[in-house]
Amino acid sequence: MKEFTVYIDGAAKGNPGKAGIGIIIYDQQGSVIKKVSEYIGIATNNVAEYLALIYGLQEALILKADRVSLYSDSELVLKQMKGIYRVKDNLLSQLFLLARHLKKNFKKIEFLQINHSENKEADRLANAAILK
């Protein structure tokens, strides 16, 4: 069983504006096994958060994860993924469907909300992508 901890964040300078995603994946021993910092063009913060989620899930699958604990400071994305909030926006609905599809590939996945202050490294990677 491969179990990973994934921290994700999306950032947009302006809403919409230049946007980036940041992802960090840790193994069970707490070692960093992957960092991602990607510029995604002009997007809203919520689109950036969803793309970070999708990218993080894809990376975990590429690394052959069976179980994932995914941490984010995006209340909207996490509550939509848990079925607590409805997805109303058309583009977010499409991204939600893709994320839900990826989620099915794991034996276990949990979505955990953290404070922005606990997500500094993923936030730094997302913001660094905007400056590239």
N, C-alpha and C. Protein backbone atom coordinates (compact mmCIF):
# COMPACT_ATOMS: atom_id res chain seq x y z
N MET A 1 0.84 -1.20 0.00
CA MET A 1 0.00 0.00 0.00
C MET A 1 0.87 1.25 0.00
N LYS A 2 0.62 2.11 -0.96
CA LYS A 2 1.31 3.40 -0.99
C LYS A 2 0.35 4.46 -0.50
N GLU A 3 0.80 5.17 0.53
CA GLU A 3 -0.03 6.22 1.11
C GLU A 3 0.74 7.53 1.05
N PHE A 4 0.08 8.58 0.51
CA PHE A 4 0.72 9.87 0.38
C PHE A 4 -0.10 10.96 1.04
N THR A 5 0.59 12.00 1.45
CA THR A 5 -0.04 13.21 1.94
C THR A 5 0.20 14.27 0.88
N VAL A 6 -0.87 14.92 0.43
CA VAL A 6 -0.79 15.89 -0.65
C VAL A 6 -1.32 17.23 -0.16
N TYR A 7 -0.51 18.27 -0.30
CA TYR A 7 -0.93 19.64 0.00
C TYR A 7 -1.09 20.37 -1.33
N ILE A 8 -2.22 21.06 -1.48
CA ILE A 8 -2.48 21.78 -2.73
C ILE A 8 -2.86 23.23 -2.45
N ASP A 9 -2.59 24.09 -3.43
CA ASP A 9 -3.07 25.46 -3.35
C ASP A 9 -3.12 26.04 -4.75
N GLY A 10 -4.07 26.92 -4.95
CA GLY A 10 -4.19 27.68 -6.18
C GLY A 10 -4.17 29.15 -5.83
N ALA A 11 -3.60 29.96 -6.71
CA ALA A 11 -3.52 31.40 -6.45
C ALA A 11 -3.82 32.16 -7.73
N ALA A 12 -4.47 33.31 -7.58
CA ALA A 12 -4.74 34.19 -8.72
C ALA A 12 -4.49 35.63 -8.28
N LYS A 13 -3.74 36.35 -9.08
CA LYS A 13 -3.48 37.77 -8.82
C LYS A 13 -4.52 38.56 -9.62
N GLY A 14 -5.58 38.93 -8.93
CA GLY A 14 -6.77 39.46 -9.59
C GLY A 14 -7.74 38.28 -9.64
N ASN A 15 -8.99 38.55 -9.83
CA ASN A 15 -9.93 37.43 -9.82
C ASN A 15 -11.01 37.63 -10.89
N PRO A 16 -10.76 37.27 -12.14
CA PRO A 16 -9.63 36.46 -12.61
C PRO A 16 -8.36 37.30 -12.82
N GLY A 17 -7.27 36.57 -12.91
CA GLY A 17 -5.97 37.17 -13.14
C GLY A 17 -4.94 36.09 -13.39
N LYS A 18 -3.67 36.47 -13.44
CA LYS A 18 -2.61 35.48 -13.62
C LYS A 18 -2.71 34.48 -12.47
N ALA A 19 -2.65 33.19 -12.82
CA ALA A 19 -2.90 32.16 -11.80
C ALA A 19 -1.86 31.04 -11.85
N GLY A 20 -1.69 30.40 -10.71
CA GLY A 20 -0.75 29.29 -10.60
C GLY A 20 -1.23 28.27 -9.60
N ILE A 21 -0.63 27.08 -9.68
CA ILE A 21 -0.94 26.02 -8.73
C ILE A 21 0.34 25.56 -8.04
N GLY A 22 0.19 25.12 -6.80
CA GLY A 22 1.29 24.58 -6.04
C GLY A 22 0.87 23.28 -5.37
N ILE A 23 1.72 22.27 -5.48
CA ILE A 23 1.42 20.96 -4.92
C ILE A 23 2.69 20.40 -4.28
N ILE A 24 2.53 19.77 -3.12
CA ILE A 24 3.63 19.05 -2.49
C ILE A 24 3.10 17.69 -2.09
N ILE A 25 3.86 16.65 -2.42
CA ILE A 25 3.46 15.28 -2.07
C ILE A 25 4.53 14.70 -1.15
N TYR A 26 4.06 14.16 -0.03
CA TYR A 26 4.93 13.53 0.96
C TYR A 26 4.64 12.04 1.03
N ASP A 27 5.68 11.24 1.28
CA ASP A 27 5.46 9.81 1.51
C ASP A 27 5.11 9.58 2.98
N GLN A 28 4.97 8.31 3.36
CA GLN A 28 4.55 7.98 4.73
C GLN A 28 5.59 8.38 5.77
N GLN A 29 6.83 8.52 5.36
CA GLN A 29 7.89 8.91 6.29
C GLN A 29 8.01 10.44 6.41
N GLY A 30 7.21 11.15 5.64
CA GLY A 30 7.23 12.61 5.69
C GLY A 30 8.26 13.24 4.76
N SER A 31 8.84 12.45 3.88
CA SER A 31 9.80 12.98 2.92
C SER A 31 9.06 13.53 1.70
N VAL A 32 9.53 14.65 1.19
CA VAL A 32 8.95 15.23 -0.02
C VAL A 32 9.35 14.36 -1.21
N ILE A 33 8.34 13.90 -1.96
CA ILE A 33 8.67 13.11 -3.14
C ILE A 33 8.33 13.83 -4.45
N LYS A 34 7.57 14.93 -4.35
CA LYS A 34 7.23 15.69 -5.56
C LYS A 34 6.79 17.08 -5.17
N LYS A 35 7.27 18.07 -5.94
CA LYS A 35 6.80 19.46 -5.80
C LYS A 35 6.39 19.93 -7.19
N VAL A 36 5.29 20.66 -7.25
CA VAL A 36 4.80 21.19 -8.52
C VAL A 36 4.51 22.67 -8.34
N SER A 37 4.96 23.46 -9.31
CA SER A 37 4.69 24.89 -9.35
C SER A 37 4.44 25.22 -10.82
N GLU A 38 3.16 25.41 -11.18
CA GLU A 38 2.79 25.59 -12.59
C GLU A 38 1.95 26.84 -12.79
N TYR A 39 2.30 27.61 -13.79
CA TYR A 39 1.49 28.75 -14.22
C TYR A 39 0.34 28.20 -15.07
N ILE A 40 -0.89 28.63 -14.82
CA ILE A 40 -2.04 28.09 -15.55
C ILE A 40 -2.75 29.14 -16.41
N GLY A 41 -2.16 30.32 -16.52
CA GLY A 41 -2.77 31.36 -17.34
C GLY A 41 -3.70 32.24 -16.53
N ILE A 42 -4.68 32.83 -17.21
CA ILE A 42 -5.65 33.70 -16.55
C ILE A 42 -6.80 32.84 -16.03
N ALA A 43 -7.05 32.94 -14.74
CA ALA A 43 -8.11 32.12 -14.13
C ALA A 43 -8.56 32.77 -12.83
N THR A 44 -9.68 32.30 -12.30
CA THR A 44 -10.13 32.73 -10.98
C THR A 44 -9.41 31.89 -9.93
N ASN A 45 -9.47 32.35 -8.70
CA ASN A 45 -8.88 31.61 -7.60
C ASN A 45 -9.51 30.22 -7.47
N ASN A 46 -10.84 30.12 -7.64
CA ASN A 46 -11.51 28.82 -7.50
C ASN A 46 -11.10 27.85 -8.60
N VAL A 47 -10.94 28.34 -9.82
CA VAL A 47 -10.46 27.49 -10.91
C VAL A 47 -9.04 27.01 -10.59
N ALA A 48 -8.19 27.90 -10.10
CA ALA A 48 -6.83 27.53 -9.72
C ALA A 48 -6.83 26.47 -8.63
N GLU A 49 -7.72 26.62 -7.65
CA GLU A 49 -7.80 25.62 -6.57
C GLU A 49 -8.21 24.25 -7.13
N TYR A 50 -9.19 24.24 -8.02
CA TYR A 50 -9.63 22.97 -8.63
C TYR A 50 -8.54 22.35 -9.49
N LEU A 51 -7.82 23.17 -10.26
CA LEU A 51 -6.75 22.62 -11.09
C LEU A 51 -5.62 22.07 -10.22
N ALA A 52 -5.36 22.71 -9.08
CA ALA A 52 -4.36 22.17 -8.14
C ALA A 52 -4.83 20.81 -7.61
N LEU A 53 -6.11 20.70 -7.29
CA LEU A 53 -6.67 19.43 -6.82
C LEU A 53 -6.51 18.35 -7.89
N ILE A 54 -6.92 18.65 -9.10
CA ILE A 54 -6.86 17.68 -10.19
C ILE A 54 -5.41 17.27 -10.46
N TYR A 55 -4.53 18.24 -10.54
CA TYR A 55 -3.13 17.96 -10.79
C TYR A 55 -2.53 17.12 -9.66
N GLY A 56 -2.87 17.46 -8.41
CA GLY A 56 -2.39 16.69 -7.26
C GLY A 56 -2.86 15.25 -7.27
N LEU A 57 -4.13 15.04 -7.62
CA LEU A 57 -4.67 13.67 -7.71
C LEU A 57 -4.00 12.90 -8.84
N GLN A 58 -3.78 13.56 -9.98
CA GLN A 58 -3.10 12.90 -11.10
C GLN A 58 -1.69 12.50 -10.71
N GLU A 59 -0.97 13.39 -10.05
CA GLU A 59 0.40 13.08 -9.62
C GLU A 59 0.41 11.89 -8.65
N ALA A 60 -0.54 11.87 -7.73
CA ALA A 60 -0.62 10.74 -6.78
C ALA A 60 -0.88 9.43 -7.53
N LEU A 61 -1.72 9.47 -8.55
CA LEU A 61 -1.97 8.27 -9.35
C LEU A 61 -0.74 7.84 -10.12
N ILE A 62 -0.02 8.80 -10.70
CA ILE A 62 1.22 8.48 -11.42
C ILE A 62 2.22 7.81 -10.48
N LEU A 63 2.23 8.26 -9.23
CA LEU A 63 3.13 7.68 -8.22
C LEU A 63 2.57 6.39 -7.61
N LYS A 64 1.44 5.94 -8.14
CA LYS A 64 0.80 4.68 -7.75
C LYS A 64 0.29 4.65 -6.32
N ALA A 65 -0.27 5.78 -5.88
CA ALA A 65 -0.84 5.87 -4.53
C ALA A 65 -2.13 5.05 -4.43
N ASP A 66 -2.30 4.38 -3.30
CA ASP A 66 -3.55 3.68 -3.00
C ASP A 66 -4.42 4.55 -2.09
N ARG A 67 -3.74 5.28 -1.21
CA ARG A 67 -4.42 6.10 -0.21
C ARG A 67 -3.83 7.50 -0.22
N VAL A 68 -4.72 8.49 -0.09
CA VAL A 68 -4.28 9.88 -0.12
C VAL A 68 -4.99 10.66 0.97
N SER A 69 -4.22 11.46 1.70
CA SER A 69 -4.76 12.48 2.59
C SER A 69 -4.44 13.80 1.92
N LEU A 70 -5.48 14.49 1.46
CA LEU A 70 -5.29 15.72 0.70
C LEU A 70 -5.67 16.91 1.56
N TYR A 71 -4.73 17.84 1.69
CA TYR A 71 -4.92 19.04 2.51
C TYR A 71 -5.03 20.28 1.62
N SER A 72 -6.02 21.12 1.93
CA SER A 72 -6.21 22.36 1.21
C SER A 72 -6.81 23.40 2.15
N ASP A 73 -6.60 24.67 1.81
CA ASP A 73 -7.24 25.74 2.58
C ASP A 73 -8.47 26.28 1.85
N SER A 74 -8.89 25.60 0.78
CA SER A 74 -10.06 26.03 0.01
C SER A 74 -11.33 25.36 0.55
N GLU A 75 -12.09 26.11 1.33
CA GLU A 75 -13.34 25.59 1.87
C GLU A 75 -14.30 25.18 0.75
N LEU A 76 -14.39 26.00 -0.28
CA LEU A 76 -15.30 25.72 -1.39
C LEU A 76 -15.00 24.38 -2.05
N VAL A 77 -13.77 24.18 -2.46
CA VAL A 77 -13.40 22.95 -3.17
C VAL A 77 -13.62 21.73 -2.28
N LEU A 78 -13.15 21.79 -1.05
CA LEU A 78 -13.27 20.63 -0.16
C LEU A 78 -14.73 20.29 0.15
N LYS A 79 -15.54 21.31 0.43
CA LYS A 79 -16.94 21.04 0.75
C LYS A 79 -17.72 20.57 -0.49
N GLN A 80 -17.32 21.03 -1.67
CA GLN A 80 -17.94 20.51 -2.89
C GLN A 80 -17.53 19.06 -3.11
N MET A 81 -16.29 18.73 -2.89
CA MET A 81 -15.82 17.35 -3.06
C MET A 81 -16.46 16.40 -2.05
N LYS A 82 -16.80 16.91 -0.88
CA LYS A 82 -17.45 16.09 0.15
C LYS A 82 -18.97 16.05 -0.03
N GLY A 83 -19.50 16.82 -0.99
CA GLY A 83 -20.94 16.84 -1.23
C GLY A 83 -21.71 17.74 -0.29
N ILE A 84 -21.03 18.60 0.45
CA ILE A 84 -21.69 19.52 1.39
C ILE A 84 -22.22 20.75 0.65
N TYR A 85 -21.42 21.27 -0.29
CA TYR A 85 -21.84 22.40 -1.11
C TYR A 85 -22.17 21.91 -2.51
N ARG A 86 -23.19 22.52 -3.12
CA ARG A 86 -23.51 22.25 -4.53
C ARG A 86 -22.53 23.01 -5.41
N VAL A 87 -22.30 22.47 -6.60
CA VAL A 87 -21.46 23.14 -7.58
C VAL A 87 -22.39 23.85 -8.56
N LYS A 88 -22.33 25.18 -8.58
CA LYS A 88 -23.26 25.97 -9.39
C LYS A 88 -22.61 26.50 -10.67
N ASP A 89 -21.36 26.87 -10.60
CA ASP A 89 -20.65 27.45 -11.74
C ASP A 89 -20.38 26.39 -12.80
N ASN A 90 -20.60 26.72 -14.07
CA ASN A 90 -20.45 25.76 -15.15
C ASN A 90 -19.03 25.21 -15.27
N LEU A 91 -18.03 26.08 -15.27
CA LEU A 91 -16.65 25.60 -15.39
C LEU A 91 -16.25 24.79 -14.16
N LEU A 92 -16.60 25.27 -12.97
CA LEU A 92 -16.28 24.51 -11.76
C LEU A 92 -16.97 23.16 -11.76
N SER A 93 -18.16 23.10 -12.33
CA SER A 93 -18.88 21.83 -12.42
C SER A 93 -18.10 20.83 -13.26
N GLN A 94 -17.53 21.29 -14.36
CA GLN A 94 -16.73 20.41 -15.21
C GLN A 94 -15.47 19.94 -14.49
N LEU A 95 -14.83 20.86 -13.78
CA LEU A 95 -13.62 20.50 -13.02
C LEU A 95 -13.97 19.55 -11.88
N PHE A 96 -15.10 19.78 -11.24
CA PHE A 96 -15.57 18.91 -10.16
C PHE A 96 -15.77 17.48 -10.68
N LEU A 97 -16.40 17.34 -11.84
CA LEU A 97 -16.63 16.01 -12.41
C LEU A 97 -15.31 15.28 -12.68
N LEU A 98 -14.33 16.00 -13.18
CA LEU A 98 -13.02 15.40 -13.43
C LEU A 98 -12.36 14.98 -12.11
N ALA A 99 -12.41 15.84 -11.12
CA ALA A 99 -11.82 15.51 -9.81
C ALA A 99 -12.52 14.31 -9.19
N ARG A 100 -13.85 14.28 -9.29
CA ARG A 100 -14.61 13.15 -8.74
C ARG A 100 -14.23 11.85 -9.44
N HIS A 101 -14.02 11.92 -10.75
CA HIS A 101 -13.60 10.75 -11.52
C HIS A 101 -12.23 10.26 -11.04
N LEU A 102 -11.29 11.17 -10.86
CA LEU A 102 -9.95 10.80 -10.39
C LEU A 102 -10.00 10.19 -9.00
N LYS A 103 -10.87 10.72 -8.17
CA LYS A 103 -11.02 10.26 -6.78
C LYS A 103 -11.36 8.77 -6.71
N LYS A 104 -12.08 8.28 -7.68
CA LYS A 104 -12.52 6.87 -7.69
C LYS A 104 -11.36 5.88 -7.82
N ASN A 105 -10.19 6.36 -8.20
CA ASN A 105 -9.04 5.48 -8.43
C ASN A 105 -8.27 5.13 -7.16
N PHE A 106 -8.65 5.71 -6.04
CA PHE A 106 -7.94 5.45 -4.78
C PHE A 106 -8.77 4.54 -3.88
N LYS A 107 -8.08 3.67 -3.15
CA LYS A 107 -8.78 2.82 -2.19
C LYS A 107 -9.38 3.68 -1.07
N LYS A 108 -8.63 4.71 -0.68
CA LYS A 108 -9.10 5.62 0.35
C LYS A 108 -8.56 7.02 0.04
N ILE A 109 -9.45 7.99 0.17
CA ILE A 109 -9.02 9.38 0.01
C ILE A 109 -9.78 10.22 1.02
N GLU A 110 -9.07 11.11 1.68
CA GLU A 110 -9.74 12.02 2.60
C GLU A 110 -9.33 13.44 2.25
N PHE A 111 -10.32 14.33 2.35
CA PHE A 111 -10.12 15.74 2.06
C PHE A 111 -10.14 16.49 3.37
N LEU A 112 -9.04 17.16 3.70
CA LEU A 112 -8.88 17.80 4.99
C LEU A 112 -8.62 19.28 4.83
N GLN A 113 -9.41 20.07 5.54
CA GLN A 113 -9.25 21.52 5.46
C GLN A 113 -8.26 22.00 6.51
N ILE A 114 -7.36 22.87 6.06
CA ILE A 114 -6.37 23.46 6.95
C ILE A 114 -6.43 24.98 6.80
N ASN A 115 -5.83 25.67 7.75
CA ASN A 115 -5.73 27.13 7.65
C ASN A 115 -4.69 27.50 6.62
N HIS A 116 -4.84 28.69 6.08
CA HIS A 116 -3.88 29.20 5.10
C HIS A 116 -2.46 29.15 5.67
N SER A 117 -2.32 29.43 6.96
CA SER A 117 -1.00 29.45 7.60
C SER A 117 -0.36 28.06 7.65
N GLU A 118 -1.17 27.01 7.54
CA GLU A 118 -0.64 25.63 7.55
C GLU A 118 -0.32 25.15 6.14
N ASN A 119 -0.56 26.00 5.15
CA ASN A 119 -0.39 25.61 3.76
C ASN A 119 0.62 26.52 3.05
N LYS A 120 1.59 27.00 3.80
CA LYS A 120 2.52 28.01 3.29
C LYS A 120 3.36 27.54 2.11
N GLU A 121 3.83 26.30 2.15
CA GLU A 121 4.72 25.83 1.07
C GLU A 121 3.96 25.67 -0.25
N ALA A 122 2.76 25.09 -0.21
CA ALA A 122 1.96 24.97 -1.44
C ALA A 122 1.58 26.36 -1.94
N ASP A 123 1.27 27.26 -1.04
CA ASP A 123 0.94 28.64 -1.40
C ASP A 123 2.15 29.33 -2.06
N ARG A 124 3.32 29.10 -1.50
CA ARG A 124 4.55 29.69 -2.05
C ARG A 124 4.77 29.17 -3.48
N LEU A 125 4.57 27.88 -3.69
CA LEU A 125 4.75 27.29 -5.02
C LEU A 125 3.73 27.85 -6.02
N ALA A 126 2.48 28.01 -5.58
CA ALA A 126 1.44 28.55 -6.46
C ALA A 126 1.76 29.99 -6.85
N ASN A 127 2.18 30.79 -5.89
CA ASN A 127 2.51 32.19 -6.16
C ASN A 127 3.80 32.32 -6.98
N ALA A 128 4.75 31.43 -6.76
CA ALA A 128 5.99 31.46 -7.55
C ALA A 128 5.69 31.16 -9.02
N ALA A 129 4.71 30.30 -9.27
CA ALA A 129 4.34 29.96 -10.66
C ALA A 129 3.83 31.18 -11.41
N ILE A 130 3.15 32.06 -10.71
CA ILE A 130 2.60 33.26 -11.34
C ILE A 130 3.73 34.19 -11.81
N LEU A 131 4.84 34.17 -11.09
CA LEU A 131 5.95 35.07 -11.39
C LEU A 131 6.90 34.54 -12.45
N LYS A 132 6.74 33.27 -12.84
CA LYS A 132 7.65 32.65 -13.83
C LYS A 132 7.57 33.34 -15.16
